[in-house]
Amino acid sequence: MTYRPRCVRPVSLAAAAALAVVGVLAGPAQAATSTRLQLDFDNGESAATGSTVRDDSGYGNNGVVQAEYGGALKIVEGVSGTRGVRFPAPCKTEPCPNAMIKISDSSALDPGTASFEWGASIKLSLSETSDGANVLQKGLYNQNGGQWKLQVDGDPGHPSCILSGTLSDGTFKRTKVRSTVTVADGSWHQVTCRRTSGSVSILVDGVTRGSASAAPVKVSSSAPVTIGAKAVKPKNNDQFFGVLDNVFMRLT
């Protein structure tokens, strides 16, 4: 299984030009300059409630762990033996344990009309699926300013990408693309949502598993980014129950 390389610090323009001359600029160095959020959980994070999760993008979009009703996050083995974070176990009796990572609003996380992608490495079993499991999002459904979101909703664990925003005439548009394959098999999968000038697509382990044409909406809101849930509250918080690693958002 192939995963994207972890974020590195942007190179200077002079260094980038030198690399281009020898033909090695492709991929990592170029992507690093556009990465706006990169959570790898490899900086000694405890994942305790109230603690900080470091953003390695260079933009300072650090997260804070929030939890309620006995919920908690736990550092566990991540992709390729690194570190990931486990979310609360499934629960059928409310109030259920809630936990998530919250990142304050930042203009760096508003793509506007630019092409961009967002996603995470996901490890999820079939027993950990639910009718609403939010992996990564900025903005809520029909919220002013739009939304970008990755979720794994319902059985049998097919992830989906949602993008909404406004056209230049003020018209609100929403696009949802669902993967044709499940990720709820207990193995690691990288899931990427991608917006280009005319489409939204979802990739699982680097393979496109769904795509739809989409108007070039502007996505820019004052909403925070939330990871693993949309909020910590008694009901309908869309809690994710599996393990996450390599959470990212980047312009392309």
C-alpha atoms as a PDB file:
ATOM      1  CA  MET A   1       0.000   0.000   0.000  1.00  0.00           C
ATOM      2  CA  THR A   2       1.366   3.432  -0.944  1.00  0.00           C
ATOM      3  CA  TYR A   3       1.042   6.497   1.262  1.00  0.00           C
ATOM      4  CA  ARG A   4       2.021  10.096   0.581  1.00  0.00           C
ATOM      5  CA  PRO A   5       5.269  11.214   2.207  1.00  0.00           C
ATOM      6  CA  ARG A   6       5.069  13.164   5.417  1.00  0.00           C
ATOM      7  CA  CYS A   7       5.235  16.936   5.235  1.00  0.00           C
ATOM      8  CA  VAL A   8       8.646  18.642   5.105  1.00  0.00           C
ATOM      9  CA  ARG A   9       9.514  22.299   5.463  1.00  0.00           C
ATOM     10  CA  PRO A  10       9.161  24.354   2.253  1.00  0.00           C
ATOM     11  CA  VAL A  11      12.416  24.926   0.376  1.00  0.00           C
ATOM     12  CA  SER A  12      13.528  28.380  -0.682  1.00  0.00           C
ATOM     13  CA  LEU A  13      12.919  29.556  -4.237  1.00  0.00           C
ATOM     14  CA  ALA A  14      16.624  29.334  -4.999  1.00  0.00           C
ATOM     15  CA  ALA A  15      16.853  25.803  -3.643  1.00  0.00           C
ATOM     16  CA  ALA A  16      13.716  24.779  -5.518  1.00  0.00           C
ATOM     17  CA  ALA A  17      15.140  26.098  -8.767  1.00  0.00           C
ATOM     18  CA  ALA A  18      18.346  24.172  -8.199  1.00  0.00           C
ATOM     19  CA  LEU A  19      16.409  20.974  -7.555  1.00  0.00           C
ATOM     20  CA  ALA A  20      14.354  21.503 -10.675  1.00  0.00           C
ATOM     21  CA  VAL A  21      17.535  21.733 -12.745  1.00  0.00           C
ATOM     22  CA  VAL A  22      18.598  18.254 -11.646  1.00  0.00           C
ATOM     23  CA  GLY A  23      15.081  16.921 -12.070  1.00  0.00           C
ATOM     24  CA  VAL A  24      14.195  16.012  -8.490  1.00  0.00           C
ATOM     25  CA  LEU A  25      11.666  18.687  -7.591  1.00  0.00           C
ATOM     26  CA  ALA A  26       8.632  16.550  -8.461  1.00  0.00           C
ATOM     27  CA  GLY A  27       6.300  15.535  -5.646  1.00  0.00           C
ATOM     28  CA  PRO A  28       7.421  16.072  -2.037  1.00  0.00           C
ATOM     29  CA  ALA A  29       9.076  19.509  -2.244  1.00  0.00           C
ATOM     30  CA  GLN A  30       6.328  20.920  -4.422  1.00  0.00           C
ATOM     31  CA  ALA A  31       3.550  19.482  -2.250  1.00  0.00           C
ATOM     32  CA  ALA A  32       5.161  20.770   0.937  1.00  0.00           C
ATOM     33  CA  THR A  33       4.813  24.394  -0.175  1.00  0.00           C
ATOM     34  CA  SER A  34       1.046  23.950  -0.534  1.00  0.00           C
ATOM     35  CA  THR A  35       0.313  21.885   2.590  1.00  0.00           C
ATOM     36  CA  ARG A  36      -1.829  23.874   5.025  1.00  0.00           C
ATOM     37  CA  LEU A  37      -2.537  21.149   7.598  1.00  0.00           C
ATOM     38  CA  GLN A  38      -0.566  18.003   8.476  1.00  0.00           C
ATOM     39  CA  LEU A  39      -1.248  16.047  11.669  1.00  0.00           C
ATOM     40  CA  ASP A  40       0.948  12.954  11.990  1.00  0.00           C
ATOM     41  CA  PHE A  41       0.822  12.533  15.797  1.00  0.00           C
ATOM     42  CA  ASP A  42       4.573  11.870  15.828  1.00  0.00           C
ATOM     43  CA  ASN A  43       5.650  14.820  17.979  1.00  0.00           C
ATOM     44  CA  GLY A  44       5.175  13.247  21.385  1.00  0.00           C
ATOM     45  CA  GLU A  45       1.506  14.164  21.723  1.00  0.00           C
ATOM     46  CA  SER A  46      -0.285  12.605  24.692  1.00  0.00           C
ATOM     47  CA  ALA A  47      -3.776  13.003  23.163  1.00  0.00           C
ATOM     48  CA  ALA A  48      -5.036  13.871  26.660  1.00  0.00           C
ATOM     49  CA  THR A  49      -8.114  16.070  26.808  1.00  0.00           C
ATOM     50  CA  GLY A  50      -7.076  19.707  26.510  1.00  0.00           C
ATOM     51  CA  SER A  51      -3.665  18.868  25.075  1.00  0.00           C
ATOM     52  CA  THR A  52      -2.215  20.145  21.814  1.00  0.00           C
ATOM     53  CA  VAL A  53      -1.762  18.186  18.576  1.00  0.00           C
ATOM     54  CA  ARG A  54       0.988  19.744  16.481  1.00  0.00           C
ATOM     55  CA  ASP A  55       0.497  20.780  12.880  1.00  0.00           C
ATOM     56  CA  ASP A  56       3.628  19.987  10.851  1.00  0.00           C
ATOM     57  CA  SER A  57       2.634  22.044   7.790  1.00  0.00           C
ATOM     58  CA  GLY A  58       4.431  25.168   8.975  1.00  0.00           C
ATOM     59  CA  TYR A  59       1.169  27.135   9.137  1.00  0.00           C
ATOM     60  CA  GLY A  60       0.671  26.636  12.873  1.00  0.00           C
ATOM     61  CA  ASN A  61      -2.782  25.081  12.614  1.00  0.00           C
ATOM     62  CA  ASN A  62      -2.385  23.131  15.831  1.00  0.00           C
ATOM     63  CA  GLY A  63      -5.327  21.211  17.229  1.00  0.00           C
ATOM     64  CA  VAL A  64      -6.723  20.847  20.739  1.00  0.00           C
ATOM     65  CA  VAL A  65      -8.220  17.595  22.037  1.00  0.00           C
ATOM     66  CA  GLN A  66     -11.787  17.925  23.290  1.00  0.00           C
ATOM     67  CA  ALA A  67     -13.852  15.221  25.008  1.00  0.00           C
ATOM     68  CA  GLU A  68     -17.069  14.780  26.985  1.00  0.00           C
ATOM     69  CA  TYR A  69     -19.122  12.025  28.671  1.00  0.00           C
ATOM     70  CA  GLY A  70     -16.117   9.862  29.446  1.00  0.00           C
ATOM     71  CA  GLY A  71     -14.688  10.087  25.949  1.00  0.00           C
ATOM     72  CA  ALA A  72     -10.957  10.120  25.286  1.00  0.00           C
ATOM     73  CA  LEU A  73      -8.386   9.803  22.544  1.00  0.00           C
ATOM     74  CA  LYS A  74      -5.514   7.327  22.741  1.00  0.00           C
ATOM     75  CA  ILE A  75      -2.177   7.246  20.956  1.00  0.00           C
ATOM     76  CA  VAL A  76      -1.762   3.878  19.221  1.00  0.00           C
ATOM     77  CA  GLU A  77       0.293   2.416  16.386  1.00  0.00           C
ATOM     78  CA  GLY A  78      -0.243   4.292  13.169  1.00  0.00           C
ATOM     79  CA  VAL A  79       0.707   3.741   9.545  1.00  0.00           C
ATOM     80  CA  SER A  80       3.945   1.775   9.044  1.00  0.00           C
ATOM     81  CA  GLY A  81       4.686   1.593  12.763  1.00  0.00           C
ATOM     82  CA  THR A  82       4.414   5.339  13.417  1.00  0.00           C
ATOM     83  CA  ARG A  83       1.822   6.915  15.742  1.00  0.00           C
ATOM     84  CA  GLY A  84      -1.899   7.307  15.171  1.00  0.00           C
ATOM     85  CA  VAL A  85      -4.840   8.231  17.358  1.00  0.00           C
ATOM     86  CA  ARG A  86      -7.764   6.023  18.369  1.00  0.00           C
ATOM     87  CA  PHE A  87     -11.210   7.519  18.910  1.00  0.00           C
ATOM     88  CA  PRO A  88     -13.899   6.248  21.351  1.00  0.00           C
ATOM     89  CA  ALA A  89     -15.478   2.819  20.895  1.00  0.00           C
ATOM     90  CA  PRO A  90     -19.013   2.493  19.451  1.00  0.00           C
ATOM     91  CA  CYS A  91     -21.846   3.166  21.873  1.00  0.00           C
ATOM     92  CA  LYS A  92     -25.601   2.592  21.624  1.00  0.00           C
ATOM     93  CA  THR A  93     -26.846   4.306  24.811  1.00  0.00           C
ATOM     94  CA  GLU A  94     -26.704   8.085  25.033  1.00  0.00           C
ATOM     95  CA  PRO A  95     -24.919  10.076  26.239  1.00  0.00           C
ATOM     96  CA  CYS A  96     -22.068   8.303  24.506  1.00  0.00           C
ATOM     97  CA  PRO A  97     -18.364   9.062  24.992  1.00  0.00           C
ATOM     98  CA  ASN A  98     -17.330  11.901  22.651  1.00  0.00           C
ATOM     99  CA  ALA A  99     -13.868  13.000  21.563  1.00  0.00           C
ATOM    100  CA  MET A 100     -12.396  15.017  18.715  1.00  0.00           C
ATOM    101  CA  ILE A 101      -9.596  17.387  17.706  1.00  0.00           C
ATOM    102  CA  LYS A 102     -10.526  21.002  17.059  1.00  0.00           C
ATOM    103  CA  ILE A 103      -8.465  23.492  15.041  1.00  0.00           C
ATOM    104  CA  SER A 104      -9.344  27.180  15.154  1.00  0.00           C
ATOM    105  CA  ASP A 105     -10.450  28.934  11.982  1.00  0.00           C
ATOM    106  CA  SER A 106      -7.603  30.004   9.730  1.00  0.00           C
ATOM    107  CA  SER A 107      -7.664  31.657   6.320  1.00  0.00           C
ATOM    108  CA  ALA A 108      -4.981  29.157   5.244  1.00  0.00           C
ATOM    109  CA  LEU A 109      -7.631  26.455   5.499  1.00  0.00           C
ATOM    110  CA  ASP A 110     -10.081  28.274   3.203  1.00  0.00           C
ATOM    111  CA  PRO A 111      -9.295  27.234  -0.389  1.00  0.00           C
ATOM    112  CA  GLY A 112     -11.616  29.741  -2.028  1.00  0.00           C
ATOM    113  CA  THR A 113     -11.933  28.567  -5.643  1.00  0.00           C
ATOM    114  CA  ALA A 114      -8.483  26.907  -5.787  1.00  0.00           C
ATOM    115  CA  SER A 115      -7.902  23.244  -6.475  1.00  0.00           C
ATOM    116  CA  PHE A 116      -7.131  21.383  -3.256  1.00  0.00           C
ATOM    117  CA  GLU A 117      -7.322  18.042  -1.494  1.00  0.00           C
ATOM    118  CA  TRP A 118      -7.915  16.792   2.017  1.00  0.00           C
ATOM    119  CA  GLY A 119      -7.963  13.427   3.707  1.00  0.00           C
ATOM    120  CA  ALA A 120      -6.476  10.983   6.192  1.00  0.00           C
ATOM    121  CA  SER A 121      -5.196   7.475   6.696  1.00  0.00           C
ATOM    122  CA  ILE A 122      -8.044   5.448   8.184  1.00  0.00           C
ATOM    123  CA  LYS A 123      -8.174   2.128  10.036  1.00  0.00           C
ATOM    124  CA  LEU A 124     -11.707   0.972  10.697  1.00  0.00           C
ATOM    125  CA  SER A 125     -13.450  -2.350  11.301  1.00  0.00           C
ATOM    126  CA  LEU A 126     -16.967  -3.166  10.123  1.00  0.00           C
ATOM    127  CA  SER A 127     -18.179  -3.161  13.744  1.00  0.00           C
ATOM    128  CA  GLU A 128     -16.951   0.436  14.093  1.00  0.00           C
ATOM    129  CA  THR A 129     -19.089   1.852  11.280  1.00  0.00           C
ATOM    130  CA  SER A 130     -22.098   4.058  11.968  1.00  0.00           C
ATOM    131  CA  ASP A 131     -24.710   6.182  10.229  1.00  0.00           C
ATOM    132  CA  GLY A 132     -22.606   9.292  10.719  1.00  0.00           C
ATOM    133  CA  ALA A 133     -18.832   9.188  11.203  1.00  0.00           C
ATOM    134  CA  ASN A 134     -16.995  12.418  10.434  1.00  0.00           C
ATOM    135  CA  VAL A 135     -13.280  12.133   9.733  1.00  0.00           C
ATOM    136  CA  LEU A 136     -12.308  15.691   8.786  1.00  0.00           C
ATOM    137  CA  GLN A 137     -14.332  18.808   8.063  1.00  0.00           C
ATOM    138  CA  LYS A 138     -14.437  22.587   7.961  1.00  0.00           C
ATOM    139  CA  GLY A 139     -17.952  23.960   8.049  1.00  0.00           C
ATOM    140  CA  LEU A 140     -21.343  22.359   8.578  1.00  0.00           C
ATOM    141  CA  TYR A 141     -24.123  21.292   6.221  1.00  0.00           C
ATOM    142  CA  ASN A 142     -25.509  24.307   4.315  1.00  0.00           C
ATOM    143  CA  GLN A 143     -23.399  26.646   6.450  1.00  0.00           C
ATOM    144  CA  ASN A 144     -22.661  30.093   5.078  1.00  0.00           C
ATOM    145  CA  GLY A 145     -19.251  29.992   3.442  1.00  0.00           C
ATOM    146  CA  GLY A 146     -19.460  26.341   2.474  1.00  0.00           C
ATOM    147  CA  GLN A 147     -17.930  23.111   3.674  1.00  0.00           C
ATOM    148  CA  TRP A 148     -15.234  20.577   2.843  1.00  0.00           C
ATOM    149  CA  LYS A 149     -15.617  17.215   4.529  1.00  0.00           C
ATOM    150  CA  LEU A 150     -14.538  13.566   4.572  1.00  0.00           C
ATOM    151  CA  GLN A 151     -16.805  11.062   6.268  1.00  0.00           C
ATOM    152  CA  VAL A 152     -17.350   7.293   6.541  1.00  0.00           C
ATOM    153  CA  ASP A 153     -21.087   6.868   6.807  1.00  0.00           C
ATOM    154  CA  GLY A 154     -23.079   3.711   7.479  1.00  0.00           C
ATOM    155  CA  ASP A 155     -22.533   0.119   6.484  1.00  0.00           C
ATOM    156  CA  PRO A 156     -20.492  -1.158   4.874  1.00  0.00           C
ATOM    157  CA  GLY A 157     -18.089   1.698   5.577  1.00  0.00           C
ATOM    158  CA  HIS A 158     -17.845   3.507   2.262  1.00  0.00           C
ATOM    159  CA  PRO A 159     -16.142   6.906   2.676  1.00  0.00           C
ATOM    160  CA  SER A 160     -17.503   9.987   0.955  1.00  0.00           C
ATOM    161  CA  CYS A 161     -16.408  13.542   0.216  1.00  0.00           C
ATOM    162  CA  ILE A 162     -18.609  16.610   0.474  1.00  0.00           C
ATOM    163  CA  LEU A 163     -17.875  20.047  -0.961  1.00  0.00           C
ATOM    164  CA  SER A 164     -20.200  23.030  -0.845  1.00  0.00           C
ATOM    165  CA  GLY A 165     -19.929  26.747  -1.462  1.00  0.00           C
ATOM    166  CA  THR A 166     -21.175  29.617  -3.576  1.00  0.00           C
ATOM    167  CA  LEU A 167     -20.806  30.548  -7.208  1.00  0.00           C
ATOM    168  CA  SER A 168     -19.937  34.100  -8.306  1.00  0.00           C
ATOM    169  CA  ASP A 169     -23.680  34.861  -8.607  1.00  0.00           C
ATOM    170  CA  GLY A 170     -24.295  33.759  -5.018  1.00  0.00           C
ATOM    171  CA  THR A 171     -25.873  30.400  -5.890  1.00  0.00           C
ATOM    172  CA  PHE A 172     -25.147  27.727  -3.292  1.00  0.00           C
ATOM    173  CA  LYS A 173     -23.994  24.335  -4.623  1.00  0.00           C
ATOM    174  CA  ARG A 174     -23.242  21.071  -2.820  1.00  0.00           C
ATOM    175  CA  THR A 175     -21.511  17.989  -4.240  1.00  0.00           C
ATOM    176  CA  LYS A 176     -21.173  14.573  -2.592  1.00  0.00           C
ATOM    177  CA  VAL A 177     -19.021  11.753  -3.962  1.00  0.00           C
ATOM    178  CA  ARG A 178     -19.112   8.271  -2.424  1.00  0.00           C
ATOM    179  CA  SER A 179     -16.433   5.616  -2.785  1.00  0.00           C
ATOM    180  CA  THR A 180     -17.394   2.411  -4.585  1.00  0.00           C
ATOM    181  CA  VAL A 181     -15.220   0.414  -2.159  1.00  0.00           C
ATOM    182  CA  THR A 182     -15.331   0.016   1.603  1.00  0.00           C
ATOM    183  CA  VAL A 183     -12.513   0.863   3.990  1.00  0.00           C
ATOM    184  CA  ALA A 184     -14.085  -0.968   6.934  1.00  0.00           C
ATOM    185  CA  ASP A 185     -11.875  -4.052   6.817  1.00  0.00           C
ATOM    186  CA  GLY A 186      -9.505  -3.476   9.747  1.00  0.00           C
ATOM    187  CA  SER A 187      -6.597  -2.407   7.508  1.00  0.00           C
ATOM    188  CA  TRP A 188      -5.023   0.984   6.867  1.00  0.00           C
ATOM    189  CA  HIS A 189      -6.319   2.926   3.877  1.00  0.00           C
ATOM    190  CA  GLN A 190      -5.414   6.376   2.690  1.00  0.00           C
ATOM    191  CA  VAL A 191      -8.534   8.294   1.647  1.00  0.00           C
ATOM    192  CA  THR A 192      -8.186  11.537  -0.294  1.00  0.00           C
ATOM    193  CA  CYS A 193     -10.848  13.992  -1.416  1.00  0.00           C
ATOM    194  CA  ARG A 194      -9.820  16.117  -4.392  1.00  0.00           C
ATOM    195  CA  ARG A 195     -11.372  19.230  -5.921  1.00  0.00           C
ATOM    196  CA  THR A 196     -10.255  20.438  -9.345  1.00  0.00           C
ATOM    197  CA  SER A 197     -11.719  23.224 -11.476  1.00  0.00           C
ATOM    198  CA  GLY A 198     -14.562  21.025 -12.664  1.00  0.00           C
ATOM    199  CA  SER A 199     -14.884  17.976 -10.436  1.00  0.00           C
ATOM    200  CA  VAL A 200     -14.772  16.397  -6.996  1.00  0.00           C
ATOM    201  CA  SER A 201     -13.286  12.921  -6.650  1.00  0.00           C
ATOM    202  CA  ILE A 202     -12.451  10.420  -3.928  1.00  0.00           C
ATOM    203  CA  LEU A 203      -9.328   8.262  -3.967  1.00  0.00           C
ATOM    204  CA  VAL A 204      -8.704   5.180  -1.833  1.00  0.00           C
ATOM    205  CA  ASP A 205      -5.065   4.091  -1.660  1.00  0.00           C
ATOM    206  CA  GLY A 206      -4.280   6.294  -4.642  1.00  0.00           C
ATOM    207  CA  VAL A 207      -7.017   4.891  -6.901  1.00  0.00           C
ATOM    208  CA  THR A 208     -10.013   7.020  -7.911  1.00  0.00           C
ATOM    209  CA  ARG A 209     -13.143   5.334  -6.550  1.00  0.00           C
ATOM    210  CA  GLY A 210     -15.716   7.988  -7.327  1.00  0.00           C
ATOM    211  CA  SER A 211     -16.004  11.285  -9.182  1.00  0.00           C
ATOM    212  CA  ALA A 212     -18.611  13.885 -10.068  1.00  0.00           C
ATOM    213  CA  SER A 213     -18.647  17.103 -12.023  1.00  0.00           C
ATOM    214  CA  ALA A 214     -18.815  20.121  -9.734  1.00  0.00           C
ATOM    215  CA  ALA A 215     -19.223  23.841 -10.223  1.00  0.00           C
ATOM    216  CA  PRO A 216     -16.219  25.978  -9.175  1.00  0.00           C
ATOM    217  CA  VAL A 217     -17.698  27.132  -5.886  1.00  0.00           C
ATOM    218  CA  LYS A 218     -15.923  29.412  -3.442  1.00  0.00           C
ATOM    219  CA  VAL A 219     -15.272  27.768  -0.072  1.00  0.00           C
ATOM    220  CA  SER A 220     -14.403  30.222   2.682  1.00  0.00           C
ATOM    221  CA  SER A 221     -15.911  30.272   6.163  1.00  0.00           C
ATOM    222  CA  SER A 222     -15.230  31.216   9.768  1.00  0.00           C
ATOM    223  CA  ALA A 223     -15.763  27.623  10.914  1.00  0.00           C
ATOM    224  CA  PRO A 224     -13.098  25.625  12.765  1.00  0.00           C
ATOM    225  CA  VAL A 225     -11.727  22.349  11.452  1.00  0.00           C
ATOM    226  CA  THR A 226     -12.891  19.334  13.432  1.00  0.00           C
ATOM    227  CA  ILE A 227     -11.407  15.846  13.275  1.00  0.00           C
ATOM    228  CA  GLY A 228     -13.277  12.732  14.423  1.00  0.00           C
ATOM    229  CA  ALA A 229     -16.623  14.440  15.096  1.00  0.00           C
ATOM    230  CA  LYS A 230     -18.428  17.698  14.410  1.00  0.00           C
ATOM    231  CA  ALA A 231     -18.759  18.549  18.118  1.00  0.00           C
ATOM    232  CA  VAL A 232     -18.693  17.043  21.589  1.00  0.00           C
ATOM    233  CA  LYS A 233     -22.327  16.965  22.610  1.00  0.00           C
ATOM    234  CA  PRO A 234     -24.914  14.443  23.904  1.00  0.00           C
ATOM    235  CA  LYS A 235     -26.418  13.318  20.595  1.00  0.00           C
ATOM    236  CA  ASN A 236     -25.742  13.281  16.862  1.00  0.00           C
ATOM    237  CA  ASN A 237     -22.151  14.455  17.043  1.00  0.00           C
ATOM    238  CA  ASP A 238     -21.192  12.145  14.122  1.00  0.00           C
ATOM    239  CA  GLN A 239     -18.476  10.446  16.153  1.00  0.00           C
ATOM    240  CA  PHE A 240     -15.777   8.500  14.323  1.00  0.00           C
ATOM    241  CA  PHE A 241     -14.823   5.249  16.094  1.00  0.00           C
ATOM    242  CA  GLY A 242     -11.654   3.963  14.412  1.00  0.00           C
ATOM    243  CA  VAL A 243      -8.014   5.073  14.168  1.00  0.00           C
ATOM    244  CA  LEU A 244      -6.633   8.034  12.180  1.00  0.00           C
ATOM    245  CA  ASP A 245      -3.187   9.080  11.010  1.00  0.00           C
ATOM    246  CA  ASN A 246      -1.726  11.513   8.450  1.00  0.00           C
ATOM    247  CA  VAL A 247      -4.591  14.019   8.492  1.00  0.00           C
ATOM    248  CA  PHE A 248      -4.019  16.713   5.879  1.00  0.00           C
ATOM    249  CA  MET A 249      -5.307  19.557   3.729  1.00  0.00           C
ATOM    250  CA  ARG A 250      -3.270  21.075   0.886  1.00  0.00           C
ATOM    251  CA  LEU A 251      -3.676  23.219  -2.194  1.00  0.00           C
ATOM    252  CA  THR A 252      -2.861  21.528  -5.470  1.00  0.00           C
END
